[in-house]
């Protein structure tokens, strides 16, 4: 392996923290969705690095599954965001209080 395993874990950790910060700090629904996608990709990098480290293909197969779930999540998420934007006229996450009791 050309890149040390520790460096891959550091990269995955930094990407995960950046995605979490984006998902928590932003109020725009599209930016929150992008933050979640970055966190999923960080987990995938860690899985692929671990599979290369221990010479098992399970991590790479699981990453393909993660990519499929992420693609379906983006499709459903964007459909919901378009619906909410048409209904309320904004993408601000603080404005969506329709489910409060």
PDB file of N, CA and C in Angstrom:
ATOM      1  N   UNK A   1       0.850  -1.165   0.000  1.00  0.00           N
ATOM      2  CA  UNK A   1       0.000   0.000   0.000  1.00  0.00           C
ATOM      3  C   UNK A   1       0.898   1.231   0.000  1.00  0.00           C
ATOM      4  N   UNK A   2       0.601   2.156  -0.875  1.00  0.00           N
ATOM      5  CA  UNK A   2       1.451   3.329  -1.028  1.00  0.00           C
ATOM      6  C   UNK A   2       1.254   4.362   0.072  1.00  0.00           C
ATOM      7  N   UNK A   3       0.027   4.534   0.522  1.00  0.00           N
ATOM      8  CA  UNK A   3      -0.272   5.517   1.558  1.00  0.00           C
ATOM      9  C   UNK A   3      -0.394   4.782   2.891  1.00  0.00           C
ATOM     10  N   UNK A   4       0.258   5.252   3.930  1.00  0.00           N
ATOM     11  CA  UNK A   4       0.145   4.579   5.229  1.00  0.00           C
ATOM     12  C   UNK A   4      -1.293   4.608   5.749  1.00  0.00           C
ATOM     13  N   UNK A   5      -1.629   3.555   6.487  1.00  0.00           N
ATOM     14  CA  UNK A   5      -2.990   3.402   6.993  1.00  0.00           C
ATOM     15  C   UNK A   5      -3.365   4.550   7.937  1.00  0.00           C
ATOM     16  N   UNK A   6      -2.422   5.011   8.725  1.00  0.00           N
ATOM     17  CA  UNK A   6      -2.693   6.122   9.634  1.00  0.00           C
ATOM     18  C   UNK A   6      -3.077   7.393   8.902  1.00  0.00           C
ATOM     19  N   UNK A   7      -2.440   7.627   7.754  1.00  0.00           N
ATOM     20  CA  UNK A   7      -2.763   8.817   6.968  1.00  0.00           C
ATOM     21  C   UNK A   7      -4.177   8.724   6.394  1.00  0.00           C
ATOM     22  N   UNK A   8      -4.585   7.517   5.989  1.00  0.00           N
ATOM     23  CA  UNK A   8      -5.950   7.336   5.498  1.00  0.00           C
ATOM     24  C   UNK A   8      -6.968   7.595   6.594  1.00  0.00           C
ATOM     25  N   UNK A   9      -6.666   7.123   7.800  1.00  0.00           N
ATOM     26  CA  UNK A   9      -7.593   7.358   8.908  1.00  0.00           C
ATOM     27  C   UNK A   9      -7.655   8.838   9.282  1.00  0.00           C
ATOM     28  N   UNK A  10      -6.528   9.520   9.209  1.00  0.00           N
ATOM     29  CA  UNK A  10      -6.535  10.958   9.487  1.00  0.00           C
ATOM     30  C   UNK A  10      -7.362  11.692   8.432  1.00  0.00           C
ATOM     31  N   UNK A  11      -7.184  11.328   7.162  1.00  0.00           N
ATOM     32  CA  UNK A  11      -7.978  11.943   6.097  1.00  0.00           C
ATOM     33  C   UNK A  11      -9.456  11.673   6.304  1.00  0.00           C
ATOM     34  N   UNK A  12      -9.813  10.433   6.621  1.00  0.00           N
ATOM     35  CA  UNK A  12     -11.219  10.097   6.847  1.00  0.00           C
ATOM     36  C   UNK A  12     -11.775  10.864   8.045  1.00  0.00           C
ATOM     37  N   UNK A  13     -10.990  10.991   9.096  1.00  0.00           N
ATOM     38  CA  UNK A  13     -11.447  11.725  10.273  1.00  0.00           C
ATOM     39  C   UNK A  13     -11.662  13.199   9.997  1.00  0.00           C
ATOM     40  N   UNK A  14     -10.725  13.795   9.254  1.00  0.00           N
ATOM     41  CA  UNK A  14     -10.850  15.222   8.911  1.00  0.00           C
ATOM     42  C   UNK A  14     -12.075  15.437   8.024  1.00  0.00           C
ATOM     43  N   UNK A  15     -12.281  14.578   7.037  1.00  0.00           N
ATOM     44  CA  UNK A  15     -13.455  14.707   6.172  1.00  0.00           C
ATOM     45  C   UNK A  15     -14.744  14.528   6.965  1.00  0.00           C
ATOM     46  N   UNK A  16     -14.748  13.575   7.892  1.00  0.00           N
ATOM     47  CA  UNK A  16     -15.948  13.344   8.691  1.00  0.00           C
ATOM     48  C   UNK A  16     -16.263  14.560   9.559  1.00  0.00           C
ATOM     49  N   UNK A  17     -15.245  15.146  10.171  1.00  0.00           N
ATOM     50  CA  UNK A  17     -15.463  16.328  11.011  1.00  0.00           C
ATOM     51  C   UNK A  17     -15.936  17.507  10.154  1.00  0.00           C
ATOM     52  N   UNK A  18     -15.373  17.658   8.961  1.00  0.00           N
ATOM     53  CA  UNK A  18     -15.804  18.735   8.080  1.00  0.00           C
ATOM     54  C   UNK A  18     -17.264  18.549   7.656  1.00  0.00           C
ATOM     55  N   UNK A  19     -17.646  17.308   7.339  1.00  0.00           N
ATOM     56  CA  UNK A  19     -19.035  17.037   6.974  1.00  0.00           C
ATOM     57  C   UNK A  19     -19.987  17.258   8.131  1.00  0.00           C
ATOM     58  N   UNK A  20     -19.571  16.844   9.332  1.00  0.00           N
ATOM     59  CA  UNK A  20     -20.418  17.059  10.505  1.00  0.00           C
ATOM     60  C   UNK A  20     -20.567  18.542  10.806  1.00  0.00           C
ATOM     61  N   UNK A  21     -19.486  19.301  10.667  1.00  0.00           N
ATOM     62  CA  UNK A  21     -19.557  20.743  10.899  1.00  0.00           C
ATOM     63  C   UNK A  21     -20.473  21.406   9.873  1.00  0.00           C
ATOM     64  N   UNK A  22     -20.408  20.964   8.641  1.00  0.00           N
ATOM     65  CA  UNK A  22     -21.270  21.516   7.596  1.00  0.00           C
ATOM     66  C   UNK A  22     -22.734  21.184   7.879  1.00  0.00           C
ATOM     67  N   UNK A  23     -23.003  19.960   8.315  1.00  0.00           N
ATOM     68  CA  UNK A  23     -24.382  19.558   8.578  1.00  0.00           C
ATOM     69  C   UNK A  23     -24.958  20.266   9.801  1.00  0.00           C
ATOM     70  N   UNK A  24     -24.119  20.565  10.780  1.00  0.00           N
ATOM     71  CA  UNK A  24     -24.615  21.184  12.014  1.00  0.00           C
ATOM     72  C   UNK A  24     -24.668  22.706  11.898  1.00  0.00           C
ATOM     73  N   UNK A  25     -23.679  23.301  11.274  1.00  0.00           N
ATOM     74  CA  UNK A  25     -23.566  24.760  11.272  1.00  0.00           C
ATOM     75  C   UNK A  25     -24.449  25.436  10.233  1.00  0.00           C
ATOM     76  N   UNK A  26     -24.730  24.770   9.137  1.00  0.00           N
ATOM     77  CA  UNK A  26     -25.479  25.409   8.055  1.00  0.00           C
ATOM     78  C   UNK A  26     -26.978  25.313   8.308  1.00  0.00           C
ATOM     79  N   UNK A  27     -27.713  26.243   7.764  1.00  0.00           N
ATOM     80  CA  UNK A  27     -29.168  26.247   7.869  1.00  0.00           C
ATOM     81  C   UNK A  27     -29.821  25.903   6.534  1.00  0.00           C
ATOM     82  N   UNK A  28     -29.061  25.877   5.470  1.00  0.00           N
ATOM     83  CA  UNK A  28     -29.580  25.562   4.147  1.00  0.00           C
ATOM     84  C   UNK A  28     -29.705  24.049   4.022  1.00  0.00           C
ATOM     85  N   UNK A  29     -30.862  23.566   3.575  1.00  0.00           N
ATOM     86  CA  UNK A  29     -31.096  22.124   3.503  1.00  0.00           C
ATOM     87  C   UNK A  29     -30.153  21.428   2.535  1.00  0.00           C
ATOM     88  N   UNK A  30     -29.804  22.076   1.446  1.00  0.00           N
ATOM     89  CA  UNK A  30     -28.904  21.452   0.483  1.00  0.00           C
ATOM     90  C   UNK A  30     -27.505  21.307   1.074  1.00  0.00           C
ATOM     91  N   UNK A  31     -27.050  22.298   1.828  1.00  0.00           N
ATOM     92  CA  UNK A  31     -25.737  22.199   2.471  1.00  0.00           C
ATOM     93  C   UNK A  31     -25.723  21.122   3.553  1.00  0.00           C
ATOM     94  N   UNK A  32     -26.830  20.934   4.249  1.00  0.00           N
ATOM     95  CA  UNK A  32     -26.920  19.855   5.232  1.00  0.00           C
ATOM     96  C   UNK A  32     -26.806  18.511   4.527  1.00  0.00           C
ATOM     97  N   UNK A  33     -27.474  18.367   3.394  1.00  0.00           N
ATOM     98  CA  UNK A  33     -27.394  17.124   2.619  1.00  0.00           C
ATOM     99  C   UNK A  33     -25.979  16.883   2.111  1.00  0.00           C
ATOM    100  N   UNK A  34     -25.296  17.918   1.682  1.00  0.00           N
ATOM    101  CA  UNK A  34     -23.908  17.774   1.229  1.00  0.00           C
ATOM    102  C   UNK A  34     -23.012  17.354   2.390  1.00  0.00           C
ATOM    103  N   UNK A  35     -23.240  17.908   3.579  1.00  0.00           N
ATOM    104  CA  UNK A  35     -22.465  17.520   4.750  1.00  0.00           C
ATOM    105  C   UNK A  35     -22.641  16.049   5.090  1.00  0.00           C
ATOM    106  N   UNK A  36     -23.855  15.539   4.980  1.00  0.00           N
ATOM    107  CA  UNK A  36     -24.099  14.121   5.238  1.00  0.00           C
ATOM    108  C   UNK A  36     -23.393  13.257   4.198  1.00  0.00           C
ATOM    109  N   UNK A  37     -23.387  13.707   2.950  1.00  0.00           N
ATOM    110  CA  UNK A  37     -22.704  12.958   1.898  1.00  0.00           C
ATOM    111  C   UNK A  37     -21.189  12.915   2.136  1.00  0.00           C
ATOM    112  N   UNK A  38     -20.615  14.012   2.587  1.00  0.00           N
ATOM    113  CA  UNK A  38     -19.183  14.034   2.880  1.00  0.00           C
ATOM    114  C   UNK A  38     -18.871  13.078   4.025  1.00  0.00           C
ATOM    115  N   UNK A  39     -19.755  13.008   5.013  1.00  0.00           N
ATOM    116  CA  UNK A  39     -19.544  12.072   6.123  1.00  0.00           C
ATOM    117  C   UNK A  39     -19.616  10.621   5.645  1.00  0.00           C
ATOM    118  N   UNK A  40     -20.533  10.310   4.738  1.00  0.00           N
ATOM    119  CA  UNK A  40     -20.603   8.956   4.184  1.00  0.00           C
ATOM    120  C   UNK A  40     -19.347   8.608   3.391  1.00  0.00           C
ATOM    121  N   UNK A  41     -18.832   9.561   2.627  1.00  0.00           N
ATOM    122  CA  UNK A  41     -17.606   9.311   1.870  1.00  0.00           C
ATOM    123  C   UNK A  41     -16.406   9.130   2.788  1.00  0.00           C
ATOM    124  N   UNK A  42     -16.373   9.849   3.904  1.00  0.00           N
ATOM    125  CA  UNK A  42     -15.285   9.669   4.866  1.00  0.00           C
ATOM    126  C   UNK A  42     -15.321   8.263   5.460  1.00  0.00           C
ATOM    127  N   UNK A  43     -16.508   7.785   5.771  1.00  0.00           N
ATOM    128  CA  UNK A  43     -16.621   6.412   6.279  1.00  0.00           C
ATOM    129  C   UNK A  43     -16.180   5.410   5.219  1.00  0.00           C
ATOM    130  N   UNK A  44     -16.499   5.690   3.966  1.00  0.00           N
ATOM    131  CA  UNK A  44     -16.077   4.810   2.883  1.00  0.00           C
ATOM    132  C   UNK A  44     -14.573   4.782   2.700  1.00  0.00           C
ATOM    133  N   UNK A  45     -13.923   5.924   2.850  1.00  0.00           N
ATOM    134  CA  UNK A  45     -12.455   5.965   2.755  1.00  0.00           C
ATOM    135  C   UNK A  45     -11.830   5.130   3.861  1.00  0.00           C
ATOM    136  N   UNK A  46     -12.383   5.218   5.067  1.00  0.00           N
ATOM    137  CA  UNK A  46     -11.868   4.417   6.174  1.00  0.00           C
ATOM    138  C   UNK A  46     -12.065   2.923   5.905  1.00  0.00           C
ATOM    139  N   UNK A  47     -13.208   2.556   5.336  1.00  0.00           N
ATOM    140  CA  UNK A  47     -13.452   1.143   5.034  1.00  0.00           C
ATOM    141  C   UNK A  47     -12.518   0.613   3.956  1.00  0.00           C
ATOM    142  N   UNK A  48     -12.310   1.385   2.909  1.00  0.00           N
ATOM    143  CA  UNK A  48     -11.410   0.947   1.840  1.00  0.00           C
ATOM    144  C   UNK A  48      -9.978   0.873   2.345  1.00  0.00           C
ATOM    145  N   UNK A  49      -9.560   1.827   3.154  1.00  0.00           N
ATOM    146  CA  UNK A  49      -8.216   1.774   3.732  1.00  0.00           C
ATOM    147  C   UNK A  49      -8.026   0.561   4.623  1.00  0.00           C
ATOM    148  N   UNK A  50      -9.040   0.239   5.414  1.00  0.00           N
ATOM    149  CA  UNK A  50      -8.949  -0.933   6.285  1.00  0.00           C
ATOM    150  C   UNK A  50      -8.931  -2.224   5.475  1.00  0.00           C
ATOM    151  N   UNK A  51      -9.698  -2.251   4.402  1.00  0.00           N
ATOM    152  CA  UNK A  51      -9.692  -3.468   3.577  1.00  0.00           C
ATOM    153  C   UNK A  51      -8.350  -3.659   2.881  1.00  0.00           C
ATOM    154  N   UNK A  52      -7.702  -2.569   2.494  1.00  0.00           N
ATOM    155  CA  UNK A  52      -6.365  -2.686   1.911  1.00  0.00           C
ATOM    156  C   UNK A  52      -5.325  -3.054   2.961  1.00  0.00           C
ATOM    157  N   UNK A  53      -5.515  -2.572   4.165  1.00  0.00           N
ATOM    158  CA  UNK A  53      -4.556  -2.843   5.248  1.00  0.00           C
ATOM    159  C   UNK A  53      -4.545  -4.313   5.617  1.00  0.00           C
ATOM    160  N   UNK A  54      -5.749  -4.908   5.734  1.00  0.00           N
ATOM    161  CA  UNK A  54      -5.844  -6.298   6.165  1.00  0.00           C
ATOM    162  C   UNK A  54      -6.090  -7.274   5.012  1.00  0.00           C
ATOM    163  N   UNK A  55      -5.964  -6.773   3.772  1.00  0.00           N
ATOM    164  CA  UNK A  55      -6.068  -7.597   2.559  1.00  0.00           C
ATOM    165  C   UNK A  55      -7.371  -8.389   2.498  1.00  0.00           C
ATOM    166  N   UNK A  56      -8.452  -7.735   2.876  1.00  0.00           N
ATOM    167  CA  UNK A  56      -9.791  -8.308   2.774  1.00  0.00           C
ATOM    168  C   UNK A  56     -10.627  -7.408   1.864  1.00  0.00           C
ATOM    169  N   UNK A  57     -11.466  -8.003   1.060  1.00  0.00           N
ATOM    170  CA  UNK A  57     -12.280  -7.211   0.138  1.00  0.00           C
ATOM    171  C   UNK A  57     -13.629  -6.810   0.729  1.00  0.00           C
ATOM    172  N   UNK A  58     -13.879  -7.143   1.977  1.00  0.00           N
ATOM    173  CA  UNK A  58     -15.169  -6.831   2.587  1.00  0.00           C
ATOM    174  C   UNK A  58     -15.403  -5.327   2.676  1.00  0.00           C
ATOM    175  N   UNK A  59     -14.379  -4.571   3.018  1.00  0.00           N
ATOM    176  CA  UNK A  59     -14.526  -3.125   3.128  1.00  0.00           C
ATOM    177  C   UNK A  59     -14.850  -2.468   1.806  1.00  0.00           C
ATOM    178  N   UNK A  60     -14.252  -2.953   0.740  1.00  0.00           N
ATOM    179  CA  UNK A  60     -14.523  -2.380  -0.575  1.00  0.00           C
ATOM    180  C   UNK A  60     -15.933  -2.734  -1.041  1.00  0.00           C
ATOM    181  N   UNK A  61     -16.372  -3.953  -0.758  1.00  0.00           N
ATOM    182  CA  UNK A  61     -17.744  -4.344  -1.111  1.00  0.00           C
ATOM    183  C   UNK A  61     -18.753  -3.524  -0.307  1.00  0.00           C
ATOM    184  N   UNK A  62     -18.456  -3.298   0.955  1.00  0.00           N
ATOM    185  CA  UNK A  62     -19.354  -2.498   1.784  1.00  0.00           C
ATOM    186  C   UNK A  62     -19.381  -1.049   1.314  1.00  0.00           C
ATOM    187  N   UNK A  63     -18.261  -0.541   0.804  1.00  0.00           N
ATOM    188  CA  UNK A  63     -18.232   0.822   0.293  1.00  0.00           C
ATOM    189  C   UNK A  63     -19.109   0.955  -0.948  1.00  0.00           C
ATOM    190  N   UNK A  64     -19.142  -0.054  -1.789  1.00  0.00           N
ATOM    191  CA  UNK A  64     -20.046  -0.017  -2.949  1.00  0.00           C
ATOM    192  C   UNK A  64     -21.494   0.044  -2.480  1.00  0.00           C
ATOM    193  N   UNK A  65     -21.812  -0.690  -1.415  1.00  0.00           N
ATOM    194  CA  UNK A  65     -23.154  -0.621  -0.830  1.00  0.00           C
ATOM    195  C   UNK A  65     -23.432   0.779  -0.280  1.00  0.00           C
ATOM    196  N   UNK A  66     -22.437   1.391   0.369  1.00  0.00           N
ATOM    197  CA  UNK A  66     -22.595   2.753   0.893  1.00  0.00           C
ATOM    198  C   UNK A  66     -22.850   3.734  -0.248  1.00  0.00           C
ATOM    199  N   UNK A  67     -22.157   3.572  -1.369  1.00  0.00           N
ATOM    200  CA  UNK A  67     -22.373   4.460  -2.514  1.00  0.00           C
ATOM    201  C   UNK A  67     -23.796   4.328  -3.058  1.00  0.00           C
ATOM    202  N   UNK A  68     -24.321   3.106  -3.086  1.00  0.00           N
ATOM    203  CA  UNK A  68     -25.696   2.910  -3.558  1.00  0.00           C
ATOM    204  C   UNK A  68     -26.699   3.560  -2.607  1.00  0.00           C
ATOM    205  N   UNK A  69     -26.473   3.419  -1.322  1.00  0.00           N
ATOM    206  CA  UNK A  69     -27.365   4.043  -0.337  1.00  0.00           C
ATOM    207  C   UNK A  69     -27.270   5.567  -0.432  1.00  0.00           C
ATOM    208  N   UNK A  70     -26.070   6.083  -0.623  1.00  0.00           N
ATOM    209  CA  UNK A  70     -25.890   7.535  -0.732  1.00  0.00           C
ATOM    210  C   UNK A  70     -26.586   8.084  -1.974  1.00  0.00           C
ATOM    211  N   UNK A  71     -26.517   7.352  -3.074  1.00  0.00           N
ATOM    212  CA  UNK A  71     -27.182   7.816  -4.294  1.00  0.00           C
ATOM    213  C   UNK A  71     -28.693   7.851  -4.112  1.00  0.00           C
ATOM    214  N   UNK A  72     -29.252   6.832  -3.473  1.00  0.00           N
ATOM    215  CA  UNK A  72     -30.694   6.840  -3.242  1.00  0.00           C
ATOM    216  C   UNK A  72     -31.080   7.904  -2.221  1.00  0.00           C
ATOM    217  N   UNK A  73     -30.208   8.142  -1.237  1.00  0.00           N
ATOM    218  CA  UNK A  73     -30.474   9.186  -0.255  1.00  0.00           C
ATOM    219  C   UNK A  73     -30.510  10.561  -0.916  1.00  0.00           C
ATOM    220  N   UNK A  74     -29.599  10.807  -1.830  1.00  0.00           N
ATOM    221  CA  UNK A  74     -29.575  12.095  -2.527  1.00  0.00           C
ATOM    222  C   UNK A  74     -30.833  12.263  -3.367  1.00  0.00           C
ATOM    223  N   UNK A  75     -31.261  11.211  -4.038  1.00  0.00           N
ATOM    224  CA  UNK A  75     -32.459  11.314  -4.876  1.00  0.00           C
ATOM    225  C   UNK A  75     -33.691  11.619  -4.038  1.00  0.00           C
ATOM    226  N   UNK A  76     -33.878  10.896  -2.955  1.00  0.00           N
ATOM    227  CA  UNK A  76     -35.040  11.128  -2.094  1.00  0.00           C
ATOM    228  C   UNK A  76     -34.906  12.469  -1.371  1.00  0.00           C
ATOM    229  N   UNK A  77     -33.712  12.782  -0.895  1.00  0.00           N
ATOM    230  CA  UNK A  77     -33.506  14.039  -0.188  1.00  0.00           C
ATOM    231  C   UNK A  77     -33.755  15.250  -1.062  1.00  0.00           C
ATOM    232  N   UNK A  78     -33.254  15.222  -2.282  1.00  0.00           N
ATOM    233  CA  UNK A  78     -33.482  16.356  -3.186  1.00  0.00           C
ATOM    234  C   UNK A  78     -34.952  16.484  -3.563  1.00  0.00           C
ATOM    235  N   UNK A  79     -35.648  15.351  -3.715  1.00  0.00           N
ATOM    236  CA  UNK A  79     -37.088  15.412  -3.995  1.00  0.00           C
ATOM    237  C   UNK A  79     -37.834  16.050  -2.825  1.00  0.00           C
ATOM    238  N   UNK A  80     -37.469  15.684  -1.600  1.00  0.00           N
ATOM    239  CA  UNK A  80     -38.102  16.294  -0.429  1.00  0.00           C
ATOM    240  C   UNK A  80     -37.763  17.773  -0.310  1.00  0.00           C
ATOM    241  N   UNK A  81     -36.525  18.129  -0.627  1.00  0.00           N
ATOM    242  CA  UNK A  81     -36.120  19.530  -0.551  1.00  0.00           C
ATOM    243  C   UNK A  81     -36.873  20.365  -1.587  1.00  0.00           C
ATOM    244  N   UNK A  82     -37.029  19.843  -2.796  1.00  0.00           N
ATOM    245  CA  UNK A  82     -37.783  20.575  -3.820  1.00  0.00           C
ATOM    246  C   UNK A  82     -39.239  20.738  -3.392  1.00  0.00           C
ATOM    247  N   UNK A  83     -39.820  19.690  -2.809  1.00  0.00           N
ATOM    248  CA  UNK A  83     -41.207  19.776  -2.336  1.00  0.00           C
ATOM    249  C   UNK A  83     -41.343  20.816  -1.222  1.00  0.00           C
ATOM    250  N   UNK A  84     -40.417  20.781  -0.261  1.00  0.00           N
ATOM    251  CA  UNK A  84     -40.476  21.737   0.852  1.00  0.00           C
ATOM    252  C   UNK A  84     -40.232  23.159   0.372  1.00  0.00           C
ATOM    253  N   UNK A  85     -39.351  23.329  -0.587  1.00  0.00           N
ATOM    254  CA  UNK A  85     -39.080  24.667  -1.112  1.00  0.00           C
ATOM    255  C   UNK A  85     -40.296  25.213  -1.838  1.00  0.00           C
ATOM    256  N   UNK A  86     -40.998  24.369  -2.577  1.00  0.00           N
ATOM    257  CA  UNK A  86     -42.208  24.826  -3.260  1.00  0.00           C
ATOM    258  C   UNK A  86     -43.318  25.142  -2.271  1.00  0.00           C
ATOM    259  N   UNK A  87     -43.358  24.393  -1.173  1.00  0.00           N
ATOM    260  CA  UNK A  87     -44.429  24.592  -0.193  1.00  0.00           C
ATOM    261  C   UNK A  87     -44.208  25.846   0.656  1.00  0.00           C
ATOM    262  N   UNK A  88     -42.975  26.073   1.085  1.00  0.00           N
ATOM    263  CA  UNK A  88     -42.718  27.197   1.986  1.00  0.00           C
ATOM    264  C   UNK A  88     -42.004  28.359   1.305  1.00  0.00           C
ATOM    265  N   UNK A  89     -41.330  28.122   0.198  1.00  0.00           N
ATOM    266  CA  UNK A  89     -40.629  29.190  -0.499  1.00  0.00           C
ATOM    267  C   UNK A  89     -39.240  29.475   0.022  1.00  0.00           C
ATOM    268  N   UNK A  90     -38.704  28.634   0.909  1.00  0.00           N
ATOM    269  CA  UNK A  90     -37.368  28.853   1.447  1.00  0.00           C
ATOM    270  C   UNK A  90     -36.679  27.511   1.682  1.00  0.00           C
ATOM    271  N   UNK A  91     -35.361  27.549   1.777  1.00  0.00           N
ATOM    272  CA  UNK A  91     -34.583  26.357   2.096  1.00  0.00           C
ATOM    273  C   UNK A  91     -33.970  26.442   3.486  1.00  0.00           C
ATOM    274  N   UNK A  92     -34.408  27.412   4.285  1.00  0.00           N
ATOM    275  CA  UNK A  92     -33.891  27.583   5.635  1.00  0.00           C
ATOM    276  C   UNK A  92     -34.464  26.488   6.539  1.00  0.00           C
ATOM    277  N   UNK A  93     -33.581  25.727   7.198  1.00  0.00           N
ATOM    278  CA  UNK A  93     -34.021  24.592   8.015  1.00  0.00           C
ATOM    279  C   UNK A  93     -34.792  25.040   9.249  1.00  0.00           C
ATOM    280  N   UNK A  94     -34.579  26.251   9.719  1.00  0.00           N
ATOM    281  CA  UNK A  94     -35.291  26.734  10.903  1.00  0.00           C
ATOM    282  C   UNK A  94     -36.760  27.040  10.618  1.00  0.00           C
ATOM    283  N   UNK A  95     -37.113  27.200   9.378  1.00  0.00           N
ATOM    284  CA  UNK A  95     -38.502  27.525   9.017  1.00  0.00           C
ATOM    285  C   UNK A  95     -39.410  26.308   8.964  1.00  0.00           C
ATOM    286  N   UNK A  96     -38.852  25.111   9.022  1.00  0.00           N
ATOM    287  CA  UNK A  96     -39.649  23.900   8.896  1.00  0.00           C
ATOM    288  C   UNK A  96     -40.036  23.395  10.284  1.00  0.00           C
ATOM    289  N   UNK A  97     -41.175  23.871  10.758  1.00  0.00           N
ATOM    290  CA  UNK A  97     -41.689  23.451  12.049  1.00  0.00           C
ATOM    291  C   UNK A  97     -43.084  22.857  11.910  1.00  0.00           C
ATOM    292  N   UNK A  98     -43.364  22.265  10.771  1.00  0.00           N
ATOM    293  CA  UNK A  98     -44.716  21.749  10.497  1.00  0.00           C
ATOM    294  C   UNK A  98     -45.046  20.521  11.346  1.00  0.00           C
ATOM    295  N   UNK A  99     -44.030  19.792  11.832  1.00  0.00           N
ATOM    296  CA  UNK A  99     -44.291  18.563  12.562  1.00  0.00           C
ATOM    297  C   UNK A  99     -44.260  18.763  14.073  1.00  0.00           C
ATOM    298  N   UNK A 100     -44.100  19.999  14.517  1.00  0.00           N
ATOM    299  CA  UNK A 100     -44.125  20.253  15.956  1.00  0.00           C
ATOM    300  C   UNK A 100     -45.543  20.052  16.477  1.00  0.00           C
ATOM    301  N   UNK A 101     -45.628  19.495  17.690  1.00  0.00           N
ATOM    302  CA  UNK A 101     -46.945  19.161  18.256  1.00  0.00           C
ATOM    303  C   UNK A 101     -47.557  20.209  19.011  1.00  0.00           C
TER     304      UNK A 101
END
